[in-house]
Protein backbone atom coordinates (compact mmCIF):
# COMPACT_ATOMS: atom_id res chain seq x y z
CA UNK A 1 -0.04 -0.40 -0.01
CA UNK A 2 1.65 3.34 -0.96
CA UNK A 3 1.53 6.01 1.63
CA UNK A 4 2.16 9.50 1.19
CA UNK A 5 4.99 9.11 2.69
CA UNK A 6 6.35 6.50 -0.02
CA UNK A 7 5.46 8.89 -2.81
CA UNK A 8 7.13 11.75 -1.41
CA UNK A 9 10.20 10.22 -1.14
CA UNK A 10 10.09 9.01 -4.44
CA UNK A 11 9.37 11.97 -5.64
CA UNK A 12 12.32 13.57 -4.40
CA UNK A 13 14.29 11.27 -4.93
CA UNK A 14 13.60 11.38 -8.94
CA UNK A 15 13.73 14.52 -8.61
CA UNK A 16 17.07 14.97 -7.64
CA UNK A 17 18.12 12.58 -10.05
CA UNK A 18 17.14 14.71 -12.67
CA UNK A 19 18.13 17.74 -11.97
CA UNK A 20 22.07 16.03 -10.74
CA UNK A 21 24.48 18.33 -12.36
CA UNK A 22 26.46 15.62 -12.98
CA UNK A 23 23.42 14.18 -15.40
CA UNK A 24 23.33 17.24 -17.45
CA UNK A 25 24.14 16.04 -20.56
CA UNK A 26 21.42 13.51 -21.46
CA UNK A 27 20.23 15.41 -24.85
CA UNK A 28 17.03 16.87 -25.48
CA UNK A 29 14.24 17.32 -22.96
CA UNK A 30 11.44 15.41 -23.88
CA UNK A 31 9.26 18.39 -22.81
CA UNK A 32 10.83 20.66 -25.54
CA UNK A 33 10.26 17.55 -27.77
CA UNK A 34 6.91 17.39 -27.40
CA UNK A 35 5.84 20.76 -28.08
CA UNK A 36 8.16 20.31 -31.69
CA UNK A 37 5.83 16.84 -32.28
CA UNK A 38 2.83 18.87 -31.26
CA UNK A 39 3.62 21.95 -33.83
CA UNK A 40 4.36 19.04 -36.92
CA UNK A 41 0.82 17.52 -35.90
CA UNK A 42 -0.57 20.92 -36.25
CA UNK A 43 0.71 22.17 -39.48
CA UNK A 44 0.07 19.07 -40.85
CA UNK A 45 -3.55 19.26 -40.30
CA UNK A 46 -3.48 22.20 -41.41
CA UNK A 47 -1.86 21.49 -44.73
CA UNK A 48 -4.28 18.25 -45.03
CA UNK A 49 -7.10 20.37 -44.72
CA UNK A 50 -6.10 22.64 -47.38
CA UNK A 51 -5.11 19.87 -50.34
CA UNK A 52 -8.55 18.86 -49.34
CA UNK A 53 -10.25 21.60 -49.60
CA UNK A 54 -8.55 22.85 -52.83
CA UNK A 55 -9.31 18.76 -54.27
CA UNK A 56 -12.69 19.33 -53.24
CA UNK A 57 -13.26 22.70 -55.42
CA UNK A 58 -11.80 20.66 -58.55
CA UNK A 59 -14.31 17.94 -58.10
CA UNK A 60 -17.22 20.29 -57.68
CA UNK A 61 -16.13 22.08 -60.83
CA UNK A 62 -16.58 18.68 -63.23
CA UNK A 63 -19.95 19.25 -65.10
CA UNK A 64 -22.31 15.85 -64.19
CA UNK A 65 -23.78 14.13 -66.82
CA UNK A 66 -27.85 14.31 -66.73
């Protein structure tokens, strides 16, 4: 069973491990990577929406036979 003391101890220990000066060269932050990924996904959605809108406009210009 987890207690507040156990959880607090774990979190403090983990925080100390993550902010240890000897571990500073560990690569890029996962938060920065997540933000960049979210921006790229948003851009891809905008581009895809534009492509669909243009394609729909072109298809609407095709005459239909009665």
